[in-house]
Each structure stands twice: as structure tokens, then as C-alpha cells.
């Protein structure tokens, strides 16, 4: 099973309304919850940047700019995914 399928199955009973980011299934890091205890999908930020660079042909600066404007700032309600920055990338 793919990461997305595993997470979809796990969230089936916890939060079937959890949102996924199209095209970034390989960047799924797991499941998390925000202050309202609603389970949502967690994505790895560095993986997203690497995906934008390799699959979309962006350089690193373009990838970060795109990420900041189109992904990081895209709040679509309580089911919005969490964006996780790994410690080793801080």
C-alpha cells in the first residue's frame, strides 16, 4: 500500500474529512492533531521542497517561494494538513 492509502485507511474512523495535498503523496510523514484534537495528515516540508525542485524543475529559491505562497499559506479549515519541518533541517 502507498503512504496515502495507509493514512486514508487509518483516518477512516478518526477523520474521513482530512485533506490531502495533490501530488505530494510521497511527502506524507504521518498523522498529527492540532489543538482541537482533529487528526490530520502531516507532510514533510523538506520533501515538498525537493519534490518541487526535482519534479517541477524549480531551483531552491523558486521552490521556497512557491511553497510559501501556494502551500504554507493555504489554510482551508480544520482539516488542513500540518506542515512539519524536521529538526535536521532547521
PDB file of N, CA and C in Angstrom:
ATOM      1  N   UNK A   1       0.834  -1.190   0.000  1.00  0.00           N
ATOM      2  CA  UNK A   1       0.000   0.000   0.000  1.00  0.00           C
ATOM      3  C   UNK A   1       0.876   1.249   0.000  1.00  0.00           C
ATOM      4  N   UNK A   2       0.390   2.292  -0.634  1.00  0.00           N
ATOM      5  CA  UNK A   2       1.114   3.559  -0.644  1.00  0.00           C
ATOM      6  C   UNK A   2       0.935   4.274   0.691  1.00  0.00           C
ATOM      7  N   UNK A   3       1.764   5.288   0.938  1.00  0.00           N
ATOM      8  CA  UNK A   3       1.624   6.076   2.162  1.00  0.00           C
ATOM      9  C   UNK A   3       0.214   6.657   2.260  1.00  0.00           C
ATOM     10  N   UNK A   4      -0.276   7.177   1.145  1.00  0.00           N
ATOM     11  CA  UNK A   4      -1.607   7.788   1.159  1.00  0.00           C
ATOM     12  C   UNK A   4      -2.678   6.767   1.521  1.00  0.00           C
ATOM     13  N   UNK A   5      -2.605   5.579   0.947  1.00  0.00           N
ATOM     14  CA  UNK A   5      -3.593   4.542   1.248  1.00  0.00           C
ATOM     15  C   UNK A   5      -3.559   4.149   2.722  1.00  0.00           C
ATOM     16  N   UNK A   6      -2.365   4.039   3.278  1.00  0.00           N
ATOM     17  CA  UNK A   6      -2.226   3.697   4.699  1.00  0.00           C
ATOM     18  C   UNK A   6      -2.867   4.782   5.554  1.00  0.00           C
ATOM     19  N   UNK A   7      -2.571   6.039   5.256  1.00  0.00           N
ATOM     20  CA  UNK A   7      -3.109   7.152   6.038  1.00  0.00           C
ATOM     21  C   UNK A   7      -4.619   7.271   5.850  1.00  0.00           C
ATOM     22  N   UNK A   8      -5.103   7.111   4.625  1.00  0.00           N
ATOM     23  CA  UNK A   8      -6.549   7.163   4.381  1.00  0.00           C
ATOM     24  C   UNK A   8      -7.269   6.099   5.199  1.00  0.00           C
ATOM     25  N   UNK A   9      -6.713   4.906   5.221  1.00  0.00           N
ATOM     26  CA  UNK A   9      -7.330   3.822   5.979  1.00  0.00           C
ATOM     27  C   UNK A   9      -7.333   4.135   7.479  1.00  0.00           C
ATOM     28  N   UNK A  10      -6.225   4.658   7.963  1.00  0.00           N
ATOM     29  CA  UNK A  10      -6.119   4.981   9.383  1.00  0.00           C
ATOM     30  C   UNK A  10      -7.088   6.102   9.773  1.00  0.00           C
ATOM     31  N   UNK A  11      -7.233   7.091   8.895  1.00  0.00           N
ATOM     32  CA  UNK A  11      -8.095   8.234   9.185  1.00  0.00           C
ATOM     33  C   UNK A  11      -9.577   7.954   8.947  1.00  0.00           C
ATOM     34  N   UNK A  12      -9.876   6.826   8.349  1.00  0.00           N
ATOM     35  CA  UNK A  12     -11.259   6.481   8.019  1.00  0.00           C
ATOM     36  C   UNK A  12     -12.203   6.663   9.207  1.00  0.00           C
ATOM     37  N   UNK A  13     -11.791   6.242  10.380  1.00  0.00           N
ATOM     38  CA  UNK A  13     -12.633   6.366  11.569  1.00  0.00           C
ATOM     39  C   UNK A  13     -12.325   7.617  12.386  1.00  0.00           C
ATOM     40  N   UNK A  14     -11.100   8.125  12.281  1.00  0.00           N
ATOM     41  CA  UNK A  14     -10.715   9.299  13.071  1.00  0.00           C
ATOM     42  C   UNK A  14     -11.203  10.614  12.454  1.00  0.00           C
ATOM     43  N   UNK A  15     -10.971  10.761  11.162  1.00  0.00           N
ATOM     44  CA  UNK A  15     -11.356  11.985  10.463  1.00  0.00           C
ATOM     45  C   UNK A  15     -11.369  11.747   8.952  1.00  0.00           C
ATOM     46  N   UNK A  16     -12.465  11.228   8.438  1.00  0.00           N
ATOM     47  CA  UNK A  16     -12.540  10.973   6.999  1.00  0.00           C
ATOM     48  C   UNK A  16     -12.531  12.247   6.160  1.00  0.00           C
ATOM     49  N   UNK A  17     -12.665  13.400   6.812  1.00  0.00           N
ATOM     50  CA  UNK A  17     -12.661  14.687   6.111  1.00  0.00           C
ATOM     51  C   UNK A  17     -11.261  15.293   6.003  1.00  0.00           C
ATOM     52  N   UNK A  18     -10.253  14.621   6.549  1.00  0.00           N
ATOM     53  CA  UNK A  18      -8.883  15.129   6.485  1.00  0.00           C
ATOM     54  C   UNK A  18      -8.489  15.354   5.025  1.00  0.00           C
ATOM     55  N   UNK A  19      -7.800  16.454   4.770  1.00  0.00           N
ATOM     56  CA  UNK A  19      -7.426  16.829   3.412  1.00  0.00           C
ATOM     57  C   UNK A  19      -6.016  16.369   3.069  1.00  0.00           C
ATOM     58  N   UNK A  20      -5.828  16.058   1.802  1.00  0.00           N
ATOM     59  CA  UNK A  20      -4.531  15.665   1.266  1.00  0.00           C
ATOM     60  C   UNK A  20      -4.086  16.702   0.248  1.00  0.00           C
ATOM     61  N   UNK A  21      -2.776  16.850   0.093  1.00  0.00           N
ATOM     62  CA  UNK A  21      -2.218  17.748  -0.906  1.00  0.00           C
ATOM     63  C   UNK A  21      -1.966  16.947  -2.183  1.00  0.00           C
ATOM     64  N   UNK A  22      -2.573  17.367  -3.268  1.00  0.00           N
ATOM     65  CA  UNK A  22      -2.415  16.664  -4.543  1.00  0.00           C
ATOM     66  C   UNK A  22      -0.961  16.699  -5.010  1.00  0.00           C
ATOM     67  N   UNK A  23      -0.469  15.543  -5.411  1.00  0.00           N
ATOM     68  CA  UNK A  23       0.862  15.446  -5.982  1.00  0.00           C
ATOM     69  C   UNK A  23       1.998  15.290  -4.992  1.00  0.00           C
ATOM     70  N   UNK A  24       1.691  15.231  -3.699  1.00  0.00           N
ATOM     71  CA  UNK A  24       2.744  15.146  -2.697  1.00  0.00           C
ATOM     72  C   UNK A  24       2.595  13.925  -1.797  1.00  0.00           C
ATOM     73  N   UNK A  25       2.035  12.859  -2.316  1.00  0.00           N
ATOM     74  CA  UNK A  25       1.822  11.655  -1.505  1.00  0.00           C
ATOM     75  C   UNK A  25       3.116  11.102  -0.920  1.00  0.00           C
ATOM     76  N   UNK A  26       4.217  11.217  -1.650  1.00  0.00           N
ATOM     77  CA  UNK A  26       5.495  10.714  -1.140  1.00  0.00           C
ATOM     78  C   UNK A  26       6.022  11.547   0.019  1.00  0.00           C
ATOM     79  N   UNK A  27       5.463  12.717   0.228  1.00  0.00           N
ATOM     80  CA  UNK A  27       5.922  13.610   1.292  1.00  0.00           C
ATOM     81  C   UNK A  27       5.089  13.479   2.562  1.00  0.00           C
ATOM     82  N   UNK A  28       4.168  12.527   2.587  1.00  0.00           N
ATOM     83  CA  UNK A  28       3.377  12.294   3.790  1.00  0.00           C
ATOM     84  C   UNK A  28       4.304  11.730   4.862  1.00  0.00           C
ATOM     85  N   UNK A  29       4.306  12.389   6.030  1.00  0.00           N
ATOM     86  CA  UNK A  29       5.152  11.959   7.138  1.00  0.00           C
ATOM     87  C   UNK A  29       4.365  11.168   8.173  1.00  0.00           C
ATOM     88  N   UNK A  30       3.056  11.366   8.210  1.00  0.00           N
ATOM     89  CA  UNK A  30       2.243  10.660   9.192  1.00  0.00           C
ATOM     90  C   UNK A  30       0.943  11.381   9.470  1.00  0.00           C
ATOM     91  N   UNK A  31       0.486  11.243  10.712  1.00  0.00           N
ATOM     92  CA  UNK A  31      -0.774  11.833  11.147  1.00  0.00           C
ATOM     93  C   UNK A  31      -0.488  12.644  12.410  1.00  0.00           C
ATOM     94  N   UNK A  32      -1.148  13.773  12.529  1.00  0.00           N
ATOM     95  CA  UNK A  32      -0.993  14.610  13.710  1.00  0.00           C
ATOM     96  C   UNK A  32      -2.330  15.212  14.082  1.00  0.00           C
ATOM     97  N   UNK A  33      -2.327  16.019  15.102  1.00  0.00           N
ATOM     98  CA  UNK A  33      -3.547  16.691  15.533  1.00  0.00           C
ATOM     99  C   UNK A  33      -3.187  18.088  16.020  1.00  0.00           C
ATOM    100  N   UNK A  34      -4.091  19.007  15.789  1.00  0.00           N
ATOM    101  CA  UNK A  34      -3.907  20.365  16.286  1.00  0.00           C
ATOM    102  C   UNK A  34      -4.692  20.524  17.582  1.00  0.00           C
ATOM    103  N   UNK A  35      -4.791  21.716  18.085  1.00  0.00           N
ATOM    104  CA  UNK A  35      -5.373  21.931  19.401  1.00  0.00           C
ATOM    105  C   UNK A  35      -6.796  21.407  19.569  1.00  0.00           C
ATOM    106  N   UNK A  36      -7.527  21.266  18.485  1.00  0.00           N
ATOM    107  CA  UNK A  36      -8.899  20.758  18.588  1.00  0.00           C
ATOM    108  C   UNK A  36      -8.963  19.231  18.493  1.00  0.00           C
ATOM    109  N   UNK A  37      -7.799  18.585  18.538  1.00  0.00           N
ATOM    110  CA  UNK A  37      -7.693  17.121  18.524  1.00  0.00           C
ATOM    111  C   UNK A  37      -8.276  16.450  17.288  1.00  0.00           C
ATOM    112  N   UNK A  38      -8.356  17.168  16.195  1.00  0.00           N
ATOM    113  CA  UNK A  38      -8.814  16.576  14.949  1.00  0.00           C
ATOM    114  C   UNK A  38      -7.594  16.021  14.217  1.00  0.00           C
ATOM    115  N   UNK A  39      -7.615  14.743  13.908  1.00  0.00           N
ATOM    116  CA  UNK A  39      -6.499  14.099  13.217  1.00  0.00           C
ATOM    117  C   UNK A  39      -6.404  14.609  11.777  1.00  0.00           C
ATOM    118  N   UNK A  40      -5.196  14.981  11.378  1.00  0.00           N
ATOM    119  CA  UNK A  40      -4.951  15.465  10.024  1.00  0.00           C
ATOM    120  C   UNK A  40      -3.656  14.851   9.492  1.00  0.00           C
ATOM    121  N   UNK A  41      -3.466  14.986   8.199  1.00  0.00           N
ATOM    122  CA  UNK A  41      -2.272  14.474   7.536  1.00  0.00           C
ATOM    123  C   UNK A  41      -1.104  15.419   7.818  1.00  0.00           C
ATOM    124  N   UNK A  42       0.082  14.850   8.024  1.00  0.00           N
ATOM    125  CA  UNK A  42       1.299  15.634   8.248  1.00  0.00           C
ATOM    126  C   UNK A  42       2.221  15.427   7.047  1.00  0.00           C
ATOM    127  N   UNK A  43       2.732  16.541   6.516  1.00  0.00           N
ATOM    128  CA  UNK A  43       3.652  16.499   5.389  1.00  0.00           C
ATOM    129  C   UNK A  43       5.025  17.016   5.797  1.00  0.00           C
ATOM    130  N   UNK A  44       6.060  16.451   5.199  1.00  0.00           N
ATOM    131  CA  UNK A  44       7.446  16.820   5.428  1.00  0.00           C
ATOM    132  C   UNK A  44       7.808  17.977   4.485  1.00  0.00           C
ATOM    133  N   UNK A  45       8.115  19.144   5.053  1.00  0.00           N
ATOM    134  CA  UNK A  45       8.403  20.338   4.263  1.00  0.00           C
ATOM    135  C   UNK A  45       9.604  20.133   3.343  1.00  0.00           C
ATOM    136  N   UNK A  46      10.685  19.578   3.848  1.00  0.00           N
ATOM    137  CA  UNK A  46      11.871  19.394   3.017  1.00  0.00           C
ATOM    138  C   UNK A  46      11.581  18.490   1.826  1.00  0.00           C
ATOM    139  N   UNK A  47      10.770  17.480   2.039  1.00  0.00           N
ATOM    140  CA  UNK A  47      10.380  16.595   0.941  1.00  0.00           C
ATOM    141  C   UNK A  47       9.589  17.369  -0.112  1.00  0.00           C
ATOM    142  N   UNK A  48       8.712  18.270   0.334  1.00  0.00           N
ATOM    143  CA  UNK A  48       7.931  19.087  -0.603  1.00  0.00           C
ATOM    144  C   UNK A  48       8.868  19.967  -1.430  1.00  0.00           C
ATOM    145  N   UNK A  49       9.837  20.588  -0.781  1.00  0.00           N
ATOM    146  CA  UNK A  49      10.795  21.444  -1.496  1.00  0.00           C
ATOM    147  C   UNK A  49      11.577  20.616  -2.513  1.00  0.00           C
ATOM    148  N   UNK A  50      12.049  19.453  -2.100  1.00  0.00           N
ATOM    149  CA  UNK A  50      12.797  18.575  -3.007  1.00  0.00           C
ATOM    150  C   UNK A  50      11.929  18.131  -4.180  1.00  0.00           C
ATOM    151  N   UNK A  51      10.657  17.851  -3.918  1.00  0.00           N
ATOM    152  CA  UNK A  51       9.722  17.469  -4.980  1.00  0.00           C
ATOM    153  C   UNK A  51       9.558  18.614  -5.977  1.00  0.00           C
ATOM    154  N   UNK A  52       9.374  19.825  -5.486  1.00  0.00           N
ATOM    155  CA  UNK A  52       9.214  20.980  -6.374  1.00  0.00           C
ATOM    156  C   UNK A  52      10.451  21.191  -7.234  1.00  0.00           C
ATOM    157  N   UNK A  53      11.615  20.926  -6.663  1.00  0.00           N
ATOM    158  CA  UNK A  53      12.853  21.092  -7.414  1.00  0.00           C
ATOM    159  C   UNK A  53      13.034  19.995  -8.459  1.00  0.00           C
ATOM    160  N   UNK A  54      12.813  18.743  -8.063  1.00  0.00           N
ATOM    161  CA  UNK A  54      13.065  17.634  -8.985  1.00  0.00           C
ATOM    162  C   UNK A  54      11.939  17.422  -9.991  1.00  0.00           C
ATOM    163  N   UNK A  55      10.709  17.482  -9.548  1.00  0.00           N
ATOM    164  CA  UNK A  55       9.588  17.175 -10.436  1.00  0.00           C
ATOM    165  C   UNK A  55       9.037  18.387 -11.179  1.00  0.00           C
ATOM    166  N   UNK A  56       9.209  19.570 -10.610  1.00  0.00           N
ATOM    167  CA  UNK A  56       8.666  20.778 -11.229  1.00  0.00           C
ATOM    168  C   UNK A  56       9.745  21.657 -11.854  1.00  0.00           C
ATOM    169  N   UNK A  57      11.015  21.259 -11.692  1.00  0.00           N
ATOM    170  CA  UNK A  57      12.116  21.975 -12.321  1.00  0.00           C
ATOM    171  C   UNK A  57      12.455  23.326 -11.705  1.00  0.00           C
ATOM    172  N   UNK A  58      12.059  23.544 -10.471  1.00  0.00           N
ATOM    173  CA  UNK A  58      12.359  24.811  -9.804  1.00  0.00           C
ATOM    174  C   UNK A  58      13.737  24.746  -9.159  1.00  0.00           C
ATOM    175  N   UNK A  59      14.384  25.926  -9.061  1.00  0.00           N
ATOM    176  CA  UNK A  59      15.595  25.953  -8.244  1.00  0.00           C
ATOM    177  C   UNK A  59      15.144  26.117  -6.799  1.00  0.00           C
ATOM    178  N   UNK A  60      16.093  26.064  -5.857  1.00  0.00           N
ATOM    179  CA  UNK A  60      15.708  26.065  -4.449  1.00  0.00           C
ATOM    180  C   UNK A  60      14.955  27.336  -4.047  1.00  0.00           C
ATOM    181  N   UNK A  61      15.404  28.478  -4.529  1.00  0.00           N
ATOM    182  CA  UNK A  61      14.737  29.732  -4.183  1.00  0.00           C
ATOM    183  C   UNK A  61      13.303  29.755  -4.722  1.00  0.00           C
ATOM    184  N   UNK A  62      13.126  29.325  -5.951  1.00  0.00           N
ATOM    185  CA  UNK A  62      11.773  29.267  -6.536  1.00  0.00           C
ATOM    186  C   UNK A  62      10.881  28.311  -5.759  1.00  0.00           C
ATOM    187  N   UNK A  63      11.449  27.183  -5.364  1.00  0.00           N
ATOM    188  CA  UNK A  63      10.676  26.186  -4.627  1.00  0.00           C
ATOM    189  C   UNK A  63      10.195  26.744  -3.290  1.00  0.00           C
ATOM    190  N   UNK A  64      11.082  27.422  -2.559  1.00  0.00           N
ATOM    191  CA  UNK A  64      10.692  28.013  -1.277  1.00  0.00           C
ATOM    192  C   UNK A  64       9.663  29.119  -1.458  1.00  0.00           C
ATOM    193  N   UNK A  65       9.825  29.909  -2.511  1.00  0.00           N
ATOM    194  CA  UNK A  65       8.860  30.974  -2.779  1.00  0.00           C
ATOM    195  C   UNK A  65       7.489  30.386  -3.117  1.00  0.00           C
ATOM    196  N   UNK A  66       7.481  29.383  -3.976  1.00  0.00           N
ATOM    197  CA  UNK A  66       6.233  28.715  -4.334  1.00  0.00           C
ATOM    198  C   UNK A  66       5.591  28.091  -3.102  1.00  0.00           C
ATOM    199  N   UNK A  67       6.399  27.411  -2.317  1.00  0.00           N
ATOM    200  CA  UNK A  67       5.911  26.778  -1.094  1.00  0.00           C
ATOM    201  C   UNK A  67       5.260  27.800  -0.170  1.00  0.00           C
ATOM    202  N   UNK A  68       5.949  28.897   0.074  1.00  0.00           N
ATOM    203  CA  UNK A  68       5.447  29.913   0.986  1.00  0.00           C
ATOM    204  C   UNK A  68       4.142  30.538   0.526  1.00  0.00           C
ATOM    205  N   UNK A  69       4.036  30.785  -0.756  1.00  0.00           N
ATOM    206  CA  UNK A  69       2.852  31.465  -1.284  1.00  0.00           C
ATOM    207  C   UNK A  69       1.679  30.519  -1.530  1.00  0.00           C
ATOM    208  N   UNK A  70       1.951  29.336  -2.061  1.00  0.00           N
ATOM    209  CA  UNK A  70       0.884  28.433  -2.509  1.00  0.00           C
ATOM    210  C   UNK A  70       0.560  27.276  -1.569  1.00  0.00           C
ATOM    211  N   UNK A  71       1.476  26.920  -0.699  1.00  0.00           N
ATOM    212  CA  UNK A  71       1.266  25.747   0.150  1.00  0.00           C
ATOM    213  C   UNK A  71       1.186  26.143   1.619  1.00  0.00           C
ATOM    214  N   UNK A  72       2.209  26.798   2.107  1.00  0.00           N
ATOM    215  CA  UNK A  72       2.273  27.134   3.525  1.00  0.00           C
ATOM    216  C   UNK A  72       1.138  28.056   3.959  1.00  0.00           C
ATOM    217  N   UNK A  73       0.723  28.951   3.096  1.00  0.00           N
ATOM    218  CA  UNK A  73      -0.314  29.914   3.462  1.00  0.00           C
ATOM    219  C   UNK A  73      -1.721  29.450   3.100  1.00  0.00           C
ATOM    220  N   UNK A  74      -1.867  28.217   2.659  1.00  0.00           N
ATOM    221  CA  UNK A  74      -3.169  27.708   2.213  1.00  0.00           C
ATOM    222  C   UNK A  74      -3.921  27.015   3.343  1.00  0.00           C
ATOM    223  N   UNK A  75      -4.586  27.803   4.169  1.00  0.00           N
ATOM    224  CA  UNK A  75      -5.423  27.241   5.238  1.00  0.00           C
ATOM    225  C   UNK A  75      -6.831  27.069   4.676  1.00  0.00           C
ATOM    226  N   UNK A  76      -7.358  25.854   4.740  1.00  0.00           N
ATOM    227  CA  UNK A  76      -8.698  25.587   4.196  1.00  0.00           C
ATOM    228  C   UNK A  76      -9.603  24.936   5.243  1.00  0.00           C
ATOM    229  N   UNK A  77      -9.434  25.357   6.474  1.00  0.00           N
ATOM    230  CA  UNK A  77     -10.280  24.846   7.540  1.00  0.00           C
ATOM    231  C   UNK A  77      -9.568  23.869   8.448  1.00  0.00           C
ATOM    232  N   UNK A  78     -10.324  23.334   9.389  1.00  0.00           N
ATOM    233  CA  UNK A  78      -9.740  22.489  10.433  1.00  0.00           C
ATOM    234  C   UNK A  78      -9.149  21.180   9.934  1.00  0.00           C
ATOM    235  N   UNK A  79      -9.418  20.813   8.704  1.00  0.00           N
ATOM    236  CA  UNK A  79      -8.871  19.575   8.137  1.00  0.00           C
ATOM    237  C   UNK A  79      -7.603  19.810   7.310  1.00  0.00           C
ATOM    238  N   UNK A  80      -7.104  21.043   7.337  1.00  0.00           N
ATOM    239  CA  UNK A  80      -5.885  21.399   6.615  1.00  0.00           C
ATOM    240  C   UNK A  80      -4.707  20.584   7.152  1.00  0.00           C
ATOM    241  N   UNK A  81      -3.874  20.049   6.264  1.00  0.00           N
ATOM    242  CA  UNK A  81      -2.708  19.288   6.718  1.00  0.00           C
ATOM    243  C   UNK A  81      -1.734  20.130   7.546  1.00  0.00           C
ATOM    244  N   UNK A  82      -0.960  19.455   8.362  1.00  0.00           N
ATOM    245  CA  UNK A  82       0.131  20.070   9.122  1.00  0.00           C
ATOM    246  C   UNK A  82       1.391  19.963   8.266  1.00  0.00           C
ATOM    247  N   UNK A  83       2.186  21.033   8.262  1.00  0.00           N
ATOM    248  CA  UNK A  83       3.468  21.036   7.557  1.00  0.00           C
ATOM    249  C   UNK A  83       4.566  20.942   8.602  1.00  0.00           C
ATOM    250  N   UNK A  84       5.344  19.869   8.535  1.00  0.00           N
ATOM    251  CA  UNK A  84       6.346  19.570   9.557  1.00  0.00           C
ATOM    252  C   UNK A  84       7.750  19.846   9.012  1.00  0.00           C
ATOM    253  N   UNK A  85       8.521  20.560   9.793  1.00  0.00           N
ATOM    254  CA  UNK A  85       9.927  20.794   9.465  1.00  0.00           C
ATOM    255  C   UNK A  85      10.764  19.910  10.383  1.00  0.00           C
ATOM    256  N   UNK A  86      11.493  18.959   9.819  1.00  0.00           N
ATOM    257  CA  UNK A  86      12.323  18.063  10.631  1.00  0.00           C
ATOM    258  C   UNK A  86      13.468  18.828  11.297  1.00  0.00           C
ATOM    259  N   UNK A  87      13.838  18.389  12.482  1.00  0.00           N
ATOM    260  CA  UNK A  87      14.876  19.043  13.280  1.00  0.00           C
ATOM    261  C   UNK A  87      16.160  19.201  12.477  1.00  0.00           C
ATOM    262  N   UNK A  88      16.550  18.189  11.744  1.00  0.00           N
ATOM    263  CA  UNK A  88      17.809  18.250  10.998  1.00  0.00           C
ATOM    264  C   UNK A  88      17.793  19.272   9.879  1.00  0.00           C
ATOM    265  N   UNK A  89      16.634  19.849   9.575  1.00  0.00           N
ATOM    266  CA  UNK A  89      16.539  20.859   8.516  1.00  0.00           C
ATOM    267  C   UNK A  89      16.271  22.254   9.066  1.00  0.00           C
ATOM    268  N   UNK A  90      16.376  22.406  10.373  1.00  0.00           N
ATOM    269  CA  UNK A  90      16.170  23.739  10.969  1.00  0.00           C
ATOM    270  C   UNK A  90      17.445  24.557  10.882  1.00  0.00           C
TER     271      UNK A  90
END
